[in-house]
């Protein structure tokens, strides 16, 4: 443990001042666009089929179809998401390139070895990762690859915090650690081509670009905690707790309690 004398002497050094000043300079962090670059490096060919798992409003499927000339299947288990996806695809004029299917990763309604690529963003922690990745391996052609972005708990996240985040974030606890996800991938028959830890880099870039207002987020947490009884009475306990959990997500990424990682898994031939 550092002593009081050591602490104050350290704070008084030129080196410590230089350390703080060095952190005022940008380290040129990558943005979330690096995820698209990771996919592009797989060299997809026009008219190949990409499966967008957990497609939501199909923004991923639309972007990949436009950028690479791919056909796509946008898969999502939420009817509201499927409705929004169909509307977005129609507005993009890609009805003939992208099909929307209501379904879940644990039971993908596609034939074996029927897709060339899989795009999966922010999904795996919400599902049975073993069943989900086994299904991904089943529908992916030999030699095909899956690009998966997933945010996982680190050792800095205390057990009580992890339990609360899981409960309020619809997260399956058994799918919330890198060890479990990586073991599930291996069990499914995937070979790991790349593991890219992108946090806190993405959040760093969002802060620099003004795409995330951390001060507003911290204010919201403080105000929510101080006004909790009033807000619970007005909006309900669940809404208040879910909102707080959402605010903390980005903060925990910066603090290293959560870790965003991009995996590229290849299907064995």
C-alpha atoms as a PDB file:
ATOM      1  CA  UNK A   1       0.000   0.000   0.000  1.00  0.00           C
ATOM      2  CA  UNK A   2       1.304   3.448  -0.911  1.00  0.00           C
ATOM      3  CA  UNK A   3       2.009   5.714   2.038  1.00  0.00           C
ATOM      4  CA  UNK A   4       0.641   9.245   2.378  1.00  0.00           C
ATOM      5  CA  UNK A   5       4.162  10.635   2.042  1.00  0.00           C
ATOM      6  CA  UNK A   6       4.840   8.593  -1.122  1.00  0.00           C
ATOM      7  CA  UNK A   7       1.519   9.696  -2.603  1.00  0.00           C
ATOM      8  CA  UNK A   8       2.066  13.411  -2.104  1.00  0.00           C
ATOM      9  CA  UNK A   9       5.678  13.238  -3.220  1.00  0.00           C
ATOM     10  CA  UNK A  10       4.593  11.452  -6.396  1.00  0.00           C
ATOM     11  CA  UNK A  11       1.946  14.076  -7.116  1.00  0.00           C
ATOM     12  CA  UNK A  12       4.632  16.770  -6.810  1.00  0.00           C
ATOM     13  CA  UNK A  13       6.992  15.282  -9.408  1.00  0.00           C
ATOM     14  CA  UNK A  14       7.447  16.611 -12.933  1.00  0.00           C
ATOM     15  CA  UNK A  15       7.030  13.105 -14.302  1.00  0.00           C
ATOM     16  CA  UNK A  16       3.559  12.806 -12.773  1.00  0.00           C
ATOM     17  CA  UNK A  17       2.578  16.165 -14.277  1.00  0.00           C
ATOM     18  CA  UNK A  18       3.866  14.984 -17.665  1.00  0.00           C
ATOM     19  CA  UNK A  19       1.882  11.775 -17.314  1.00  0.00           C
ATOM     20  CA  UNK A  20      -1.353  13.707 -16.835  1.00  0.00           C
ATOM     21  CA  UNK A  21      -0.540  16.101 -19.663  1.00  0.00           C
ATOM     22  CA  UNK A  22       0.167  13.208 -22.032  1.00  0.00           C
ATOM     23  CA  UNK A  23      -3.362  11.974 -21.476  1.00  0.00           C
ATOM     24  CA  UNK A  24      -4.730  15.235 -22.852  1.00  0.00           C
ATOM     25  CA  UNK A  25      -3.543  14.191 -26.313  1.00  0.00           C
ATOM     26  CA  UNK A  26      -5.569  11.910 -28.567  1.00  0.00           C
ATOM     27  CA  UNK A  27      -4.223   8.399 -29.072  1.00  0.00           C
ATOM     28  CA  UNK A  28      -6.201   8.210 -32.339  1.00  0.00           C
ATOM     29  CA  UNK A  29      -8.711   5.597 -31.185  1.00  0.00           C
ATOM     30  CA  UNK A  30     -10.642   3.597 -33.741  1.00  0.00           C
ATOM     31  CA  UNK A  31     -14.374   4.057 -34.121  1.00  0.00           C
ATOM     32  CA  UNK A  32     -17.084   1.414 -34.369  1.00  0.00           C
ATOM     33  CA  UNK A  33     -16.471   1.516 -38.136  1.00  0.00           C
ATOM     34  CA  UNK A  34     -13.534  -0.808 -37.481  1.00  0.00           C
ATOM     35  CA  UNK A  35     -16.088  -3.609 -37.161  1.00  0.00           C
ATOM     36  CA  UNK A  36     -17.049  -3.106 -40.810  1.00  0.00           C
ATOM     37  CA  UNK A  37     -13.363  -3.079 -41.744  1.00  0.00           C
ATOM     38  CA  UNK A  38     -12.892  -6.407 -39.977  1.00  0.00           C
ATOM     39  CA  UNK A  39     -15.670  -7.881 -42.103  1.00  0.00           C
ATOM     40  CA  UNK A  40     -14.273  -6.339 -45.292  1.00  0.00           C
ATOM     41  CA  UNK A  41     -10.906  -7.998 -44.648  1.00  0.00           C
ATOM     42  CA  UNK A  42     -12.629 -11.368 -45.073  1.00  0.00           C
ATOM     43  CA  UNK A  43     -13.010 -10.395 -48.760  1.00  0.00           C
ATOM     44  CA  UNK A  44     -16.688 -11.258 -49.261  1.00  0.00           C
ATOM     45  CA  UNK A  45     -17.770 -11.666 -52.878  1.00  0.00           C
ATOM     46  CA  UNK A  46     -20.880 -10.203 -54.550  1.00  0.00           C
ATOM     47  CA  UNK A  47     -24.024 -12.340 -54.263  1.00  0.00           C
ATOM     48  CA  UNK A  48     -22.668 -14.370 -51.369  1.00  0.00           C
ATOM     49  CA  UNK A  49     -25.103 -14.729 -48.460  1.00  0.00           C
ATOM     50  CA  UNK A  50     -24.564 -13.091 -45.080  1.00  0.00           C
ATOM     51  CA  UNK A  51     -26.706 -13.921 -42.062  1.00  0.00           C
ATOM     52  CA  UNK A  52     -27.238 -10.935 -39.754  1.00  0.00           C
ATOM     53  CA  UNK A  53     -28.170 -12.440 -36.398  1.00  0.00           C
ATOM     54  CA  UNK A  54     -30.051 -10.148 -34.028  1.00  0.00           C
ATOM     55  CA  UNK A  55     -30.599  -7.754 -36.911  1.00  0.00           C
ATOM     56  CA  UNK A  56     -32.886  -5.285 -35.095  1.00  0.00           C
ATOM     57  CA  UNK A  57     -33.641  -2.628 -37.730  1.00  0.00           C
ATOM     58  CA  UNK A  58     -31.380  -4.392 -40.278  1.00  0.00           C
ATOM     59  CA  UNK A  59     -28.807  -1.607 -40.375  1.00  0.00           C
ATOM     60  CA  UNK A  60     -26.008  -4.190 -40.471  1.00  0.00           C
ATOM     61  CA  UNK A  61     -27.602  -6.254 -43.228  1.00  0.00           C
ATOM     62  CA  UNK A  62     -28.314  -3.127 -45.270  1.00  0.00           C
ATOM     63  CA  UNK A  63     -24.764  -1.810 -44.898  1.00  0.00           C
ATOM     64  CA  UNK A  64     -23.162  -5.130 -45.837  1.00  0.00           C
ATOM     65  CA  UNK A  65     -25.494  -5.646 -48.781  1.00  0.00           C
ATOM     66  CA  UNK A  66     -24.761  -2.180 -50.136  1.00  0.00           C
ATOM     67  CA  UNK A  67     -21.016  -2.212 -49.478  1.00  0.00           C
ATOM     68  CA  UNK A  68     -20.214  -5.683 -50.786  1.00  0.00           C
ATOM     69  CA  UNK A  69     -23.130  -6.517 -53.072  1.00  0.00           C
ATOM     70  CA  UNK A  70     -24.179  -9.351 -50.772  1.00  0.00           C
ATOM     71  CA  UNK A  71     -27.495 -11.036 -50.312  1.00  0.00           C
ATOM     72  CA  UNK A  72     -28.590 -11.096 -46.684  1.00  0.00           C
ATOM     73  CA  UNK A  73     -30.913 -12.703 -44.201  1.00  0.00           C
ATOM     74  CA  UNK A  74     -31.863 -10.468 -41.283  1.00  0.00           C
ATOM     75  CA  UNK A  75     -32.780 -12.719 -38.365  1.00  0.00           C
ATOM     76  CA  UNK A  76     -34.354 -11.406 -35.158  1.00  0.00           C
ATOM     77  CA  UNK A  77     -36.643 -12.962 -32.523  1.00  0.00           C
ATOM     78  CA  UNK A  78     -38.538  -9.731 -31.752  1.00  0.00           C
ATOM     79  CA  UNK A  79     -41.586  -9.039 -33.975  1.00  0.00           C
ATOM     80  CA  UNK A  80     -41.194  -5.264 -33.540  1.00  0.00           C
ATOM     81  CA  UNK A  81     -37.604  -5.475 -34.779  1.00  0.00           C
ATOM     82  CA  UNK A  82     -38.673  -7.529 -37.807  1.00  0.00           C
ATOM     83  CA  UNK A  83     -41.320  -4.961 -38.649  1.00  0.00           C
ATOM     84  CA  UNK A  84     -38.794  -2.138 -38.442  1.00  0.00           C
ATOM     85  CA  UNK A  85     -36.263  -4.146 -40.453  1.00  0.00           C
ATOM     86  CA  UNK A  86     -38.727  -4.728 -43.291  1.00  0.00           C
ATOM     87  CA  UNK A  87     -39.576  -1.032 -43.353  1.00  0.00           C
ATOM     88  CA  UNK A  88     -35.894   0.005 -43.418  1.00  0.00           C
ATOM     89  CA  UNK A  89     -35.077  -2.501 -46.150  1.00  0.00           C
ATOM     90  CA  UNK A  90     -37.978  -1.257 -48.270  1.00  0.00           C
ATOM     91  CA  UNK A  91     -36.842   2.344 -47.811  1.00  0.00           C
ATOM     92  CA  UNK A  92     -33.339   1.312 -48.863  1.00  0.00           C
ATOM     93  CA  UNK A  93     -34.731  -0.356 -51.980  1.00  0.00           C
ATOM     94  CA  UNK A  94     -33.183  -3.706 -51.054  1.00  0.00           C
ATOM     95  CA  UNK A  95     -36.272  -5.920 -50.871  1.00  0.00           C
ATOM     96  CA  UNK A  96     -34.782  -8.181 -53.543  1.00  0.00           C
ATOM     97  CA  UNK A  97     -31.480  -8.549 -51.652  1.00  0.00           C
ATOM     98  CA  UNK A  98     -32.455  -8.938 -48.003  1.00  0.00           C
ATOM     99  CA  UNK A  99     -34.961 -11.314 -46.429  1.00  0.00           C
ATOM    100  CA  UNK A 100     -36.261 -10.755 -42.897  1.00  0.00           C
ATOM    101  CA  UNK A 101     -36.944 -13.857 -40.813  1.00  0.00           C
ATOM    102  CA  UNK A 102     -38.350 -13.919 -37.306  1.00  0.00           C
ATOM    103  CA  UNK A 103     -36.263 -16.405 -35.382  1.00  0.00           C
ATOM    104  CA  UNK A 104     -33.612 -16.945 -32.725  1.00  0.00           C
ATOM    105  CA  UNK A 105     -29.940 -17.839 -32.842  1.00  0.00           C
ATOM    106  CA  UNK A 106     -30.567 -21.007 -30.818  1.00  0.00           C
ATOM    107  CA  UNK A 107     -32.734 -22.399 -33.650  1.00  0.00           C
ATOM    108  CA  UNK A 108     -31.757 -20.747 -36.927  1.00  0.00           C
ATOM    109  CA  UNK A 109     -34.403 -21.634 -39.557  1.00  0.00           C
ATOM    110  CA  UNK A 110     -31.866 -22.191 -42.348  1.00  0.00           C
ATOM    111  CA  UNK A 111     -30.323 -25.284 -43.913  1.00  0.00           C
ATOM    112  CA  UNK A 112     -26.913 -26.695 -43.041  1.00  0.00           C
ATOM    113  CA  UNK A 113     -23.954 -24.928 -44.699  1.00  0.00           C
ATOM    114  CA  UNK A 114     -26.322 -22.465 -46.405  1.00  0.00           C
ATOM    115  CA  UNK A 115     -24.650 -19.115 -45.587  1.00  0.00           C
ATOM    116  CA  UNK A 116     -21.236 -17.749 -46.492  1.00  0.00           C
ATOM    117  CA  UNK A 117     -20.821 -15.261 -43.642  1.00  0.00           C
ATOM    118  CA  UNK A 118     -22.368 -14.431 -40.281  1.00  0.00           C
ATOM    119  CA  UNK A 119     -22.591 -10.959 -38.756  1.00  0.00           C
ATOM    120  CA  UNK A 120     -23.558 -10.950 -35.085  1.00  0.00           C
ATOM    121  CA  UNK A 121     -23.482  -7.777 -33.019  1.00  0.00           C
ATOM    122  CA  UNK A 122     -24.488  -7.456 -29.337  1.00  0.00           C
ATOM    123  CA  UNK A 123     -26.368 -10.759 -29.224  1.00  0.00           C
ATOM    124  CA  UNK A 124     -24.374 -13.560 -27.605  1.00  0.00           C
ATOM    125  CA  UNK A 125     -24.724 -12.418 -23.977  1.00  0.00           C
ATOM    126  CA  UNK A 126     -28.519 -12.521 -24.317  1.00  0.00           C
ATOM    127  CA  UNK A 127     -28.727 -16.173 -25.373  1.00  0.00           C
ATOM    128  CA  UNK A 128     -27.564 -19.675 -24.561  1.00  0.00           C
ATOM    129  CA  UNK A 129     -24.161 -19.155 -26.171  1.00  0.00           C
ATOM    130  CA  UNK A 130     -23.425 -22.861 -26.556  1.00  0.00           C
ATOM    131  CA  UNK A 131     -26.625 -23.568 -28.455  1.00  0.00           C
ATOM    132  CA  UNK A 132     -26.352 -20.340 -30.393  1.00  0.00           C
ATOM    133  CA  UNK A 133     -22.810 -20.871 -31.643  1.00  0.00           C
ATOM    134  CA  UNK A 134     -23.531 -24.511 -32.441  1.00  0.00           C
ATOM    135  CA  UNK A 135     -26.341 -23.308 -34.718  1.00  0.00           C
ATOM    136  CA  UNK A 136     -24.070 -20.712 -36.299  1.00  0.00           C
ATOM    137  CA  UNK A 137     -21.510 -23.396 -37.075  1.00  0.00           C
ATOM    138  CA  UNK A 138     -24.233 -25.604 -38.532  1.00  0.00           C
ATOM    139  CA  UNK A 139     -25.561 -23.059 -41.048  1.00  0.00           C
ATOM    140  CA  UNK A 140     -22.148 -21.651 -42.007  1.00  0.00           C
ATOM    141  CA  UNK A 141     -20.430 -23.211 -44.995  1.00  0.00           C
ATOM    142  CA  UNK A 142     -17.014 -24.815 -44.429  1.00  0.00           C
ATOM    143  CA  UNK A 143     -14.391 -22.101 -44.772  1.00  0.00           C
ATOM    144  CA  UNK A 144     -16.911 -19.378 -43.993  1.00  0.00           C
ATOM    145  CA  UNK A 145     -16.450 -17.014 -41.087  1.00  0.00           C
ATOM    146  CA  UNK A 146     -18.457 -15.316 -38.365  1.00  0.00           C
ATOM    147  CA  UNK A 147     -17.789 -11.797 -37.124  1.00  0.00           C
ATOM    148  CA  UNK A 148     -19.185 -11.384 -33.615  1.00  0.00           C
ATOM    149  CA  UNK A 149     -19.095  -8.322 -31.390  1.00  0.00           C
ATOM    150  CA  UNK A 150     -19.792  -9.076 -27.744  1.00  0.00           C
ATOM    151  CA  UNK A 151     -19.445  -7.141 -24.483  1.00  0.00           C
ATOM    152  CA  UNK A 152     -18.389  -9.275 -21.532  1.00  0.00           C
ATOM    153  CA  UNK A 153     -17.712  -8.935 -17.828  1.00  0.00           C
ATOM    154  CA  UNK A 154     -14.113  -8.618 -16.654  1.00  0.00           C
ATOM    155  CA  UNK A 155     -12.498  -9.425 -13.320  1.00  0.00           C
ATOM    156  CA  UNK A 156     -12.989  -5.779 -12.307  1.00  0.00           C
ATOM    157  CA  UNK A 157     -16.752  -6.261 -12.262  1.00  0.00           C
ATOM    158  CA  UNK A 158     -17.781  -7.373  -8.786  1.00  0.00           C
ATOM    159  CA  UNK A 159     -20.149 -10.386  -8.551  1.00  0.00           C
ATOM    160  CA  UNK A 160     -22.994  -8.275  -7.189  1.00  0.00           C
ATOM    161  CA  UNK A 161     -22.585  -5.783 -10.040  1.00  0.00           C
ATOM    162  CA  UNK A 162     -22.486  -8.605 -12.586  1.00  0.00           C
ATOM    163  CA  UNK A 163     -25.662 -10.142 -11.194  1.00  0.00           C
ATOM    164  CA  UNK A 164     -27.485  -6.804 -11.301  1.00  0.00           C
ATOM    165  CA  UNK A 165     -26.337  -6.017 -14.833  1.00  0.00           C
ATOM    166  CA  UNK A 166     -27.420  -9.464 -15.987  1.00  0.00           C
ATOM    167  CA  UNK A 167     -30.811  -9.259 -14.321  1.00  0.00           C
ATOM    168  CA  UNK A 168     -31.644  -5.811 -15.697  1.00  0.00           C
ATOM    169  CA  UNK A 169     -29.987  -6.268 -19.084  1.00  0.00           C
ATOM    170  CA  UNK A 170     -31.629  -9.574 -20.076  1.00  0.00           C
ATOM    171  CA  UNK A 171     -28.188 -11.203 -19.979  1.00  0.00           C
ATOM    172  CA  UNK A 172     -27.606 -14.924 -19.536  1.00  0.00           C
ATOM    173  CA  UNK A 173     -24.957 -15.113 -16.761  1.00  0.00           C
ATOM    174  CA  UNK A 174     -23.377 -18.226 -18.278  1.00  0.00           C
ATOM    175  CA  UNK A 175     -22.787 -16.290 -21.514  1.00  0.00           C
ATOM    176  CA  UNK A 176     -21.244 -13.225 -19.862  1.00  0.00           C
ATOM    177  CA  UNK A 177     -17.544 -14.172 -19.663  1.00  0.00           C
ATOM    178  CA  UNK A 178     -14.863 -14.506 -22.311  1.00  0.00           C
ATOM    179  CA  UNK A 179     -13.962 -17.977 -21.068  1.00  0.00           C
ATOM    180  CA  UNK A 180     -17.512 -19.257 -21.582  1.00  0.00           C
ATOM    181  CA  UNK A 181     -17.920 -17.651 -25.001  1.00  0.00           C
ATOM    182  CA  UNK A 182     -14.560 -18.872 -26.264  1.00  0.00           C
ATOM    183  CA  UNK A 183     -15.187 -22.381 -24.937  1.00  0.00           C
ATOM    184  CA  UNK A 184     -18.580 -22.444 -26.674  1.00  0.00           C
ATOM    185  CA  UNK A 185     -16.966 -21.375 -29.950  1.00  0.00           C
ATOM    186  CA  UNK A 186     -14.383 -24.134 -29.736  1.00  0.00           C
ATOM    187  CA  UNK A 187     -17.035 -26.685 -28.825  1.00  0.00           C
ATOM    188  CA  UNK A 188     -19.070 -25.640 -31.863  1.00  0.00           C
ATOM    189  CA  UNK A 189     -16.103 -26.384 -34.100  1.00  0.00           C
ATOM    190  CA  UNK A 190     -14.949 -22.848 -34.777  1.00  0.00           C
ATOM    191  CA  UNK A 191     -11.303 -21.878 -35.246  1.00  0.00           C
ATOM    192  CA  UNK A 192     -10.440 -18.450 -33.872  1.00  0.00           C
ATOM    193  CA  UNK A 193      -8.919 -16.236 -36.568  1.00  0.00           C
ATOM    194  CA  UNK A 194      -8.895 -12.977 -34.636  1.00  0.00           C
ATOM    195  CA  UNK A 195      -9.637 -11.574 -31.194  1.00  0.00           C
ATOM    196  CA  UNK A 196      -9.760  -7.775 -31.138  1.00  0.00           C
ATOM    197  CA  UNK A 197     -10.417  -6.024 -27.827  1.00  0.00           C
ATOM    198  CA  UNK A 198     -12.074  -2.762 -28.867  1.00  0.00           C
ATOM    199  CA  UNK A 199     -12.888  -1.254 -25.499  1.00  0.00           C
ATOM    200  CA  UNK A 200     -12.385   1.262 -24.122  1.00  0.00           C
ATOM    201  CA  UNK A 201     -11.130   2.396 -27.544  1.00  0.00           C
ATOM    202  CA  UNK A 202     -14.572   2.768 -29.139  1.00  0.00           C
ATOM    203  CA  UNK A 203     -15.881   4.757 -26.164  1.00  0.00           C
ATOM    204  CA  UNK A 204     -12.735   6.868 -26.229  1.00  0.00           C
ATOM    205  CA  UNK A 205     -13.466   7.754 -29.855  1.00  0.00           C
ATOM    206  CA  UNK A 206     -17.124   8.474 -29.050  1.00  0.00           C
ATOM    207  CA  UNK A 207     -15.996  10.887 -26.343  1.00  0.00           C
ATOM    208  CA  UNK A 208     -13.539  12.631 -28.655  1.00  0.00           C
ATOM    209  CA  UNK A 209     -16.134  12.940 -31.428  1.00  0.00           C
ATOM    210  CA  UNK A 210     -18.885  14.104 -29.066  1.00  0.00           C
ATOM    211  CA  UNK A 211     -21.040  11.078 -29.881  1.00  0.00           C
ATOM    212  CA  UNK A 212     -21.318  10.191 -26.193  1.00  0.00           C
ATOM    213  CA  UNK A 213     -21.766  12.793 -23.486  1.00  0.00           C
ATOM    214  CA  UNK A 214     -20.241  11.172 -20.401  1.00  0.00           C
ATOM    215  CA  UNK A 215     -21.009  14.222 -18.253  1.00  0.00           C
ATOM    216  CA  UNK A 216     -24.702  13.996 -19.158  1.00  0.00           C
ATOM    217  CA  UNK A 217     -24.648  10.283 -18.385  1.00  0.00           C
ATOM    218  CA  UNK A 218     -23.117  10.841 -14.942  1.00  0.00           C
ATOM    219  CA  UNK A 219     -25.607  13.634 -14.225  1.00  0.00           C
ATOM    220  CA  UNK A 220     -28.455  11.314 -15.173  1.00  0.00           C
ATOM    221  CA  UNK A 221     -27.193   8.651 -12.751  1.00  0.00           C
ATOM    222  CA  UNK A 222     -26.809  11.191  -9.938  1.00  0.00           C
ATOM    223  CA  UNK A 223     -30.249  12.675 -10.537  1.00  0.00           C
ATOM    224  CA  UNK A 224     -31.848   9.258 -10.819  1.00  0.00           C
ATOM    225  CA  UNK A 225     -30.336   8.100  -7.522  1.00  0.00           C
ATOM    226  CA  UNK A 226     -31.294  11.281  -5.703  1.00  0.00           C
ATOM    227  CA  UNK A 227     -34.833  11.329  -7.053  1.00  0.00           C
ATOM    228  CA  UNK A 228     -35.379   7.571  -7.042  1.00  0.00           C
ATOM    229  CA  UNK A 229     -38.553   7.449  -4.867  1.00  0.00           C
ATOM    230  CA  UNK A 230     -40.262  10.092  -6.995  1.00  0.00           C
ATOM    231  CA  UNK A 231     -39.210   8.462 -10.271  1.00  0.00           C
ATOM    232  CA  UNK A 232     -40.245   4.982  -9.128  1.00  0.00           C
ATOM    233  CA  UNK A 233     -43.683   6.278  -8.192  1.00  0.00           C
ATOM    234  CA  UNK A 234     -44.040   7.980 -11.565  1.00  0.00           C
ATOM    235  CA  UNK A 235     -42.479   5.448 -13.953  1.00  0.00           C
ATOM    236  CA  UNK A 236     -42.216   2.193 -12.004  1.00  0.00           C
ATOM    237  CA  UNK A 237     -39.265   0.462 -10.359  1.00  0.00           C
ATOM    238  CA  UNK A 238     -38.374  -1.659 -13.378  1.00  0.00           C
ATOM    239  CA  UNK A 239     -38.113   1.325 -15.739  1.00  0.00           C
ATOM    240  CA  UNK A 240     -35.935   3.256 -13.279  1.00  0.00           C
ATOM    241  CA  UNK A 241     -33.610   0.319 -12.649  1.00  0.00           C
ATOM    242  CA  UNK A 242     -33.292  -0.526 -16.339  1.00  0.00           C
ATOM    243  CA  UNK A 243     -32.495   3.112 -17.137  1.00  0.00           C
ATOM    244  CA  UNK A 244     -29.757   3.241 -14.499  1.00  0.00           C
ATOM    245  CA  UNK A 245     -28.308  -0.007 -15.774  1.00  0.00           C
ATOM    246  CA  UNK A 246     -28.214   1.424 -19.271  1.00  0.00           C
ATOM    247  CA  UNK A 247     -26.450   4.582 -18.141  1.00  0.00           C
ATOM    248  CA  UNK A 248     -23.820   2.528 -16.324  1.00  0.00           C
ATOM    249  CA  UNK A 249     -23.035   0.388 -19.389  1.00  0.00           C
ATOM    250  CA  UNK A 250     -20.832   2.965 -21.095  1.00  0.00           C
ATOM    251  CA  UNK A 251     -19.241   4.016 -17.816  1.00  0.00           C
ATOM    252  CA  UNK A 252     -18.315   0.416 -17.051  1.00  0.00           C
ATOM    253  CA  UNK A 253     -16.750   0.054 -20.493  1.00  0.00           C
ATOM    254  CA  UNK A 254     -14.496   3.042 -19.798  1.00  0.00           C
ATOM    255  CA  UNK A 255     -13.632   1.729 -16.330  1.00  0.00           C
ATOM    256  CA  UNK A 256     -12.718  -1.702 -17.695  1.00  0.00           C
ATOM    257  CA  UNK A 257     -15.457  -3.519 -15.824  1.00  0.00           C
ATOM    258  CA  UNK A 258     -16.921  -4.515 -19.179  1.00  0.00           C
ATOM    259  CA  UNK A 259     -14.879  -5.431 -22.241  1.00  0.00           C
ATOM    260  CA  UNK A 260     -16.077  -5.196 -25.832  1.00  0.00           C
ATOM    261  CA  UNK A 261     -14.417  -7.729 -28.079  1.00  0.00           C
ATOM    262  CA  UNK A 262     -14.691  -8.593 -31.755  1.00  0.00           C
ATOM    263  CA  UNK A 263     -14.188 -12.269 -32.571  1.00  0.00           C
ATOM    264  CA  UNK A 264     -13.640 -13.678 -36.028  1.00  0.00           C
ATOM    265  CA  UNK A 265     -14.383 -17.397 -36.036  1.00  0.00           C
ATOM    266  CA  UNK A 266     -13.864 -19.643 -39.031  1.00  0.00           C
ATOM    267  CA  UNK A 267     -15.853 -22.782 -39.736  1.00  0.00           C
ATOM    268  CA  UNK A 268     -13.561 -25.762 -40.104  1.00  0.00           C
ATOM    269  CA  UNK A 269     -13.630 -27.337 -43.549  1.00  0.00           C
END
